[in-house]
Amino acid sequence: IPVIAASQRADGYIHTPVIIEQKKQEAG
């Protein structure tokens, strides 16, 4: 559970394909 929780954005959005790309600050 803590791993899932830590992957969630502050606004509540959670979807690893998008979050991983956003953390890399890549467009698209």
PDB file of all heavy atoms in Angstrom:
ATOM      1  N   ILE A   1       0.804  -1.225   0.000  1.00  0.00           N
ATOM      2  CA  ILE A   1       0.000   0.000   0.000  1.00  0.00           C
ATOM      3  C   ILE A   1       0.837   1.274   0.000  1.00  0.00           C
ATOM      4  O   ILE A   1       0.538   2.208  -0.766  1.00  0.00           O
ATOM      5  CB  ILE A   1      -0.996  -0.023   1.176  1.00  0.00           C
ATOM      6  CG1 ILE A   1      -2.047  -1.109   0.949  1.00  0.00           C
ATOM      7  CG2 ILE A   1      -1.686   1.343   1.336  1.00  0.00           C
ATOM      8  CD1 ILE A   1      -2.957  -1.349   2.138  1.00  0.00           C
ATOM      9  N   PRO A   2       1.895   1.396   0.815  1.00  0.00           N
ATOM     10  CA  PRO A   2       2.673   2.640   0.791  1.00  0.00           C
ATOM     11  C   PRO A   2       3.288   2.937  -0.575  1.00  0.00           C
ATOM     12  O   PRO A   2       3.459   4.113  -0.935  1.00  0.00           O
ATOM     13  CB  PRO A   2       3.752   2.404   1.851  1.00  0.00           C
ATOM     14  CG  PRO A   2       3.172   1.385   2.769  1.00  0.00           C
ATOM     15  CD  PRO A   2       2.355   0.491   1.884  1.00  0.00           C
ATOM     16  N   VAL A   3       3.614   1.902  -1.330  1.00  0.00           N
ATOM     17  CA  VAL A   3       4.179   2.114  -2.663  1.00  0.00           C
ATOM     18  C   VAL A   3       3.113   2.696  -3.589  1.00  0.00           C
ATOM     19  O   VAL A   3       3.371   3.635  -4.355  1.00  0.00           O
ATOM     20  CB  VAL A   3       4.748   0.799  -3.231  1.00  0.00           C
ATOM     21  CG1 VAL A   3       5.301   1.015  -4.640  1.00  0.00           C
ATOM     22  CG2 VAL A   3       5.830   0.246  -2.315  1.00  0.00           C
ATOM     23  N   ILE A   4       1.908   2.126  -3.528  1.00  0.00           N
ATOM     24  CA  ILE A   4       0.810   2.666  -4.335  1.00  0.00           C
ATOM     25  C   ILE A   4       0.537   4.110  -3.930  1.00  0.00           C
ATOM     26  O   ILE A   4       0.384   5.002  -4.779  1.00  0.00           O
ATOM     27  CB  ILE A   4      -0.449   1.803  -4.171  1.00  0.00           C
ATOM     28  CG1 ILE A   4      -0.212   0.395  -4.734  1.00  0.00           C
ATOM     29  CG2 ILE A   4      -1.649   2.452  -4.859  1.00  0.00           C
ATOM     30  CD1 ILE A   4      -1.358  -0.573  -4.499  1.00  0.00           C
ATOM     31  N   ALA A   5       0.483   4.373  -2.623  1.00  0.00           N
ATOM     32  CA  ALA A   5       0.185   5.719  -2.131  1.00  0.00           C
ATOM     33  C   ALA A   5       1.238   6.725  -2.587  1.00  0.00           C
ATOM     34  O   ALA A   5       0.902   7.864  -2.952  1.00  0.00           O
ATOM     35  CB  ALA A   5       0.078   5.706  -0.609  1.00  0.00           C
ATOM     36  N   ALA A   6       2.496   6.314  -2.574  1.00  0.00           N
ATOM     37  CA  ALA A   6       3.575   7.229  -2.963  1.00  0.00           C
ATOM     38  C   ALA A   6       3.575   7.530  -4.451  1.00  0.00           C
ATOM     39  O   ALA A   6       4.194   8.507  -4.889  1.00  0.00           O
ATOM     40  CB  ALA A   6       4.923   6.642  -2.549  1.00  0.00           C
ATOM     41  N   SER A   7       2.889   6.707  -5.239  1.00  0.00           N
ATOM     42  CA  SER A   7       2.834   6.942  -6.682  1.00  0.00           C
ATOM     43  C   SER A   7       1.683   7.867  -7.071  1.00  0.00           C
ATOM     44  O   SER A   7       1.533   8.207  -8.238  1.00  0.00           O
ATOM     45  CB  SER A   7       2.706   5.612  -7.429  1.00  0.00           C
ATOM     46  OG  SER A   7       1.426   5.044  -7.229  1.00  0.00           O
ATOM     47  N   GLN A   8       0.885   8.276  -6.089  1.00  0.00           N
ATOM     48  CA  GLN A   8      -0.283   9.124  -6.352  1.00  0.00           C
ATOM     49  C   GLN A   8       0.111  10.595  -6.317  1.00  0.00           C
ATOM     50  O   GLN A   8       0.879  11.026  -5.456  1.00  0.00           O
ATOM     51  CB  GLN A   8      -1.373   8.854  -5.313  1.00  0.00           C
ATOM     52  CG  GLN A   8      -2.683   9.579  -5.567  1.00  0.00           C
ATOM     53  CD  GLN A   8      -3.762   9.155  -4.575  1.00  0.00           C
ATOM     54  OE1 GLN A   8      -3.490   8.949  -3.393  1.00  0.00           O
ATOM     55  NE2 GLN A   8      -4.990   9.018  -5.049  1.00  0.00           N
ATOM     56  N   ARG A   9      -0.414  11.364  -7.273  1.00  0.00           N
ATOM     57  CA  ARG A   9      -0.171  12.794  -7.274  1.00  0.00           C
ATOM     58  C   ARG A   9      -0.911  13.466  -6.116  1.00  0.00           C
ATOM     59  O   ARG A   9      -1.889  12.917  -5.591  1.00  0.00           O
ATOM     60  CB  ARG A   9      -0.644  13.416  -8.588  1.00  0.00           C
ATOM     61  CG  ARG A   9       0.389  13.401  -9.668  1.00  0.00           C
ATOM     62  CD  ARG A   9       0.036  14.185 -10.904  1.00  0.00           C
ATOM     63  NE  ARG A   9      -1.349  14.610 -11.098  1.00  0.00           N
ATOM     64  CZ  ARG A   9      -1.895  14.792 -12.292  1.00  0.00           C
ATOM     65  NH1 ARG A   9      -1.180  14.567 -13.382  1.00  0.00           N
ATOM     66  NH2 ARG A   9      -3.139  15.195 -12.406  1.00  0.00           N
ATOM     67  N   ALA A  10      -0.491  14.651  -5.771  1.00  0.00           N
ATOM     68  CA  ALA A  10      -1.111  15.369  -4.659  1.00  0.00           C
ATOM     69  C   ALA A  10      -2.583  15.649  -4.910  1.00  0.00           C
ATOM     70  O   ALA A  10      -3.377  15.715  -3.963  1.00  0.00           O
ATOM     71  CB  ALA A  10      -0.356  16.674  -4.400  1.00  0.00           C
ATOM     72  N   ASP A  11      -2.969  15.803  -6.190  1.00  0.00           N
ATOM     73  CA  ASP A  11      -4.367  16.090  -6.498  1.00  0.00           C
ATOM     74  C   ASP A  11      -5.234  14.843  -6.558  1.00  0.00           C
ATOM     75  O   ASP A  11      -6.434  14.921  -6.826  1.00  0.00           O
ATOM     76  CB  ASP A  11      -4.483  16.875  -7.801  1.00  0.00           C
ATOM     77  CG  ASP A  11      -4.009  16.081  -9.021  1.00  0.00           C
ATOM     78  OD1 ASP A  11      -3.502  14.950  -8.849  1.00  0.00           O
ATOM     79  OD2 ASP A  11      -4.134  16.602 -10.157  1.00  0.00           O
ATOM     80  N   GLY A  12      -4.636  13.658  -6.322  1.00  0.00           N
ATOM     81  CA  GLY A  12      -5.387  12.409  -6.287  1.00  0.00           C
ATOM     82  C   GLY A  12      -5.268  11.566  -7.535  1.00  0.00           C
ATOM     83  O   GLY A  12      -5.625  10.385  -7.525  1.00  0.00           O
ATOM     84  N   TYR A  13      -4.761  12.145  -8.636  1.00  0.00           N
ATOM     85  CA  TYR A  13      -4.627  11.387  -9.879  1.00  0.00           C
ATOM     86  C   TYR A  13      -3.586  10.285  -9.691  1.00  0.00           C
ATOM     87  O   TYR A  13      -2.518  10.504  -9.115  1.00  0.00           O
ATOM     88  CB  TYR A  13      -4.203  12.321 -11.008  1.00  0.00           C
ATOM     89  CG  TYR A  13      -3.984  11.614 -12.337  1.00  0.00           C
ATOM     90  CD1 TYR A  13      -5.053  11.305 -13.167  1.00  0.00           C
ATOM     91  CD2 TYR A  13      -2.697  11.264 -12.756  1.00  0.00           C
ATOM     92  CE1 TYR A  13      -4.860  10.670 -14.382  1.00  0.00           C
ATOM     93  CE2 TYR A  13      -2.492  10.629 -13.974  1.00  0.00           C
ATOM     94  CZ  TYR A  13      -3.571  10.335 -14.772  1.00  0.00           C
ATOM     95  OH  TYR A  13      -3.368   9.704 -15.975  1.00  0.00           O
ATOM     96  N   ILE A  14      -3.898   9.083 -10.189  1.00  0.00           N
ATOM     97  CA  ILE A  14      -2.961   7.968 -10.098  1.00  0.00           C
ATOM     98  C   ILE A  14      -3.131   7.063 -11.309  1.00  0.00           C
ATOM     99  O   ILE A  14      -4.191   6.473 -11.518  1.00  0.00           O
ATOM    100  CB  ILE A  14      -3.143   7.187  -8.764  1.00  0.00           C
ATOM    101  CG1 ILE A  14      -2.188   5.987  -8.698  1.00  0.00           C
ATOM    102  CG2 ILE A  14      -4.597   6.778  -8.536  1.00  0.00           C
ATOM    103  CD1 ILE A  14      -2.144   5.329  -7.324  1.00  0.00           C
ATOM    104  N   HIS A  15      -2.081   7.021 -12.110  1.00  0.00           N
ATOM    105  CA  HIS A  15      -2.045   6.177 -13.307  1.00  0.00           C
ATOM    106  C   HIS A  15      -0.580   6.130 -13.728  1.00  0.00           C
ATOM    107  O   HIS A  15      -0.035   7.122 -14.221  1.00  0.00           O
ATOM    108  CB  HIS A  15      -2.920   6.773 -14.408  1.00  0.00           C
ATOM    109  CG  HIS A  15      -2.937   5.982 -15.688  1.00  0.00           C
ATOM    110  ND1 HIS A  15      -3.409   4.695 -15.763  1.00  0.00           N
ATOM    111  CD2 HIS A  15      -2.540   6.307 -16.943  1.00  0.00           C
ATOM    112  CE1 HIS A  15      -3.316   4.260 -17.009  1.00  0.00           C
ATOM    113  NE2 HIS A  15      -2.785   5.218 -17.739  1.00  0.00           N
ATOM    114  N   THR A  16       0.084   5.014 -13.496  1.00  0.00           N
ATOM    115  CA  THR A  16       1.546   4.993 -13.580  1.00  0.00           C
ATOM    116  C   THR A  16       2.107   5.364 -14.957  1.00  0.00           C
ATOM    117  O   THR A  16       3.163   6.010 -15.009  1.00  0.00           O
ATOM    118  CB  THR A  16       2.107   3.630 -13.126  1.00  0.00           C
ATOM    119  OG1 THR A  16       1.611   2.589 -13.981  1.00  0.00           O
ATOM    120  CG2 THR A  16       1.730   3.339 -11.678  1.00  0.00           C
ATOM    121  N   PRO A  17       1.468   5.015 -16.094  1.00  0.00           N
ATOM    122  CA  PRO A  17       2.077   5.421 -17.366  1.00  0.00           C
ATOM    123  C   PRO A  17       2.223   6.934 -17.487  1.00  0.00           C
ATOM    124  O   PRO A  17       3.258   7.436 -17.942  1.00  0.00           O
ATOM    125  CB  PRO A  17       1.098   4.869 -18.416  1.00  0.00           C
ATOM    126  CG  PRO A  17       0.385   3.756 -17.740  1.00  0.00           C
ATOM    127  CD  PRO A  17       0.277   4.173 -16.310  1.00  0.00           C
ATOM    128  N   VAL A  18       1.193   7.677 -17.077  1.00  0.00           N
ATOM    129  CA  VAL A  18       1.232   9.137 -17.168  1.00  0.00           C
ATOM    130  C   VAL A  18       2.173   9.722 -16.122  1.00  0.00           C
ATOM    131  O   VAL A  18       2.978  10.609 -16.408  1.00  0.00           O
ATOM    132  CB  VAL A  18      -0.188   9.717 -17.023  1.00  0.00           C
ATOM    133  CG1 VAL A  18      -0.147  11.227 -16.828  1.00  0.00           C
ATOM    134  CG2 VAL A  18      -1.025   9.364 -18.242  1.00  0.00           C
ATOM    135  N   ILE A  19       2.086   9.231 -14.889  1.00  0.00           N
ATOM    136  CA  ILE A  19       2.894   9.794 -13.809  1.00  0.00           C
ATOM    137  C   ILE A  19       4.381   9.593 -14.066  1.00  0.00           C
ATOM    138  O   ILE A  19       5.198  10.489 -13.825  1.00  0.00           O
ATOM    139  CB  ILE A  19       2.465   9.185 -12.458  1.00  0.00           C
ATOM    140  CG1 ILE A  19       1.073   9.695 -12.087  1.00  0.00           C
ATOM    141  CG2 ILE A  19       3.462   9.521 -11.362  1.00  0.00           C
ATOM    142  CD1 ILE A  19       0.470   9.058 -10.871  1.00  0.00           C
ATOM    143  N   ILE A  20       4.754   8.445 -14.573  1.00  0.00           N
ATOM    144  CA  ILE A  20       6.173   8.194 -14.865  1.00  0.00           C
ATOM    145  C   ILE A  20       6.681   9.175 -15.915  1.00  0.00           C
ATOM    146  O   ILE A  20       7.770   9.744 -15.785  1.00  0.00           O
ATOM    147  CB  ILE A  20       6.378   6.733 -15.311  1.00  0.00           C
ATOM    148  CG1 ILE A  20       6.186   5.785 -14.122  1.00  0.00           C
ATOM    149  CG2 ILE A  20       7.758   6.536 -15.936  1.00  0.00           C
ATOM    150  CD1 ILE A  20       6.162   4.320 -14.491  1.00  0.00           C
ATOM    151  N   GLU A  21       5.882   9.403 -16.950  1.00  0.00           N
ATOM    152  CA  GLU A  21       6.303  10.339 -17.997  1.00  0.00           C
ATOM    153  C   GLU A  21       6.316  11.775 -17.473  1.00  0.00           C
ATOM    154  O   GLU A  21       7.202  12.563 -17.822  1.00  0.00           O
ATOM    155  CB  GLU A  21       5.373  10.228 -19.209  1.00  0.00           C
ATOM    156  CG  GLU A  21       5.497   8.917 -19.964  1.00  0.00           C
ATOM    157  CD  GLU A  21       6.925   8.659 -20.433  1.00  0.00           C
ATOM    158  OE1 GLU A  21       7.517   9.576 -21.047  1.00  0.00           O
ATOM    159  OE2 GLU A  21       7.441   7.570 -20.170  1.00  0.00           O
ATOM    160  N   GLN A  22       5.363  12.134 -16.646  1.00  0.00           N
ATOM    161  CA  GLN A  22       5.335  13.485 -16.099  1.00  0.00           C
ATOM    162  C   GLN A  22       6.530  13.746 -15.194  1.00  0.00           C
ATOM    163  O   GLN A  22       7.063  14.854 -15.158  1.00  0.00           O
ATOM    164  CB  GLN A  22       4.026  13.714 -15.337  1.00  0.00           C
ATOM    165  CG  GLN A  22       2.810  13.856 -16.247  1.00  0.00           C
ATOM    166  CD  GLN A  22       1.524  14.062 -15.481  1.00  0.00           C
ATOM    167  OE1 GLN A  22       1.447  13.771 -14.292  1.00  0.00           O
ATOM    168  NE2 GLN A  22       0.491  14.559 -16.160  1.00  0.00           N
ATOM    169  N   LYS A  23       6.959  12.714 -14.456  1.00  0.00           N
ATOM    170  CA  LYS A  23       8.130  12.890 -13.594  1.00  0.00           C
ATOM    171  C   LYS A  23       9.397  13.105 -14.402  1.00  0.00           C
ATOM    172  O   LYS A  23      10.351  13.726 -13.936  1.00  0.00           O
ATOM    173  CB  LYS A  23       8.288  11.687 -12.662  1.00  0.00           C
ATOM    174  CG  LYS A  23       7.251  11.659 -11.545  1.00  0.00           C
ATOM    175  CD  LYS A  23       7.641  10.722 -10.431  1.00  0.00           C
ATOM    176  CE  LYS A  23       6.699  10.912  -9.254  1.00  0.00           C
ATOM    177  NZ  LYS A  23       7.103  10.138  -8.069  1.00  0.00           N
ATOM    178  N   LYS A  24       9.378  12.588 -15.612  1.00  0.00           N
ATOM    179  CA  LYS A  24      10.530  12.814 -16.505  1.00  0.00           C
ATOM    180  C   LYS A  24      10.410  14.155 -17.217  1.00  0.00           C
ATOM    181  O   LYS A  24      11.300  14.531 -17.979  1.00  0.00           O
ATOM    182  CB  LYS A  24      10.606  11.684 -17.534  1.00  0.00           C
ATOM    183  CG  LYS A  24      10.988  10.342 -16.919  1.00  0.00           C
ATOM    184  CD  LYS A  24      10.650   9.187 -17.835  1.00  0.00           C
ATOM    185  CE  LYS A  24      11.280   9.333 -19.206  1.00  0.00           C
ATOM    186  NZ  LYS A  24      10.927   8.183 -20.085  1.00  0.00           N
ATOM    187  N   GLN A  25       9.280  14.861 -16.980  1.00  0.00           N
ATOM    188  CA  GLN A  25       9.026  16.173 -17.576  1.00  0.00           C
ATOM    189  C   GLN A  25       9.077  16.112 -19.090  1.00  0.00           C
ATOM    190  O   GLN A  25       9.649  16.980 -19.750  1.00  0.00           O
ATOM    191  CB  GLN A  25      10.024  17.214 -17.043  1.00  0.00           C
ATOM    192  CG  GLN A  25       9.883  17.448 -15.557  1.00  0.00           C
ATOM    193  CD  GLN A  25      10.814  18.525 -15.054  1.00  0.00           C
ATOM    194  OE1 GLN A  25      11.777  18.904 -15.715  1.00  0.00           O
ATOM    195  NE2 GLN A  25      10.525  19.031 -13.863  1.00  0.00           N
ATOM    196  N   GLU A  26       8.486  15.075 -19.633  1.00  0.00           N
ATOM    197  CA  GLU A  26       8.405  14.942 -21.078  1.00  0.00           C
ATOM    198  C   GLU A  26       7.005  15.314 -21.543  1.00  0.00           C
ATOM    199  O   GLU A  26       6.017  15.012 -20.888  1.00  0.00           O
ATOM    200  CB  GLU A  26       8.734  13.517 -21.520  1.00  0.00           C
ATOM    201  CG  GLU A  26      10.181  13.131 -21.269  1.00  0.00           C
ATOM    202  CD  GLU A  26      10.510  11.765 -21.836  1.00  0.00           C
ATOM    203  OE1 GLU A  26       9.624  11.160 -22.471  1.00  0.00           O
ATOM    204  OE2 GLU A  26      11.637  11.299 -21.632  1.00  0.00           O
ATOM    205  N   ALA A  27       6.920  15.964 -22.661  1.00  0.00           N
ATOM    206  CA  ALA A  27       5.632  16.380 -23.201  1.00  0.00           C
ATOM    207  C   ALA A  27       4.879  15.179 -23.763  1.00  0.00           C
ATOM    208  O   ALA A  27       5.461  14.149 -24.072  1.00  0.00           O
ATOM    209  CB  ALA A  27       5.833  17.430 -24.288  1.00  0.00           C
ATOM    210  N   GLY A  28       3.575  15.350 -23.905  1.00  0.00           N
ATOM    211  CA  GLY A  28       2.787  14.343 -24.609  1.00  0.00           C
ATOM    212  C   GLY A  28       2.071  13.362 -23.718  1.00  0.00           C
ATOM    213  O   GLY A  28       1.345  12.522 -24.193  1.00  0.00           O
TER     214      GLY A  28
END
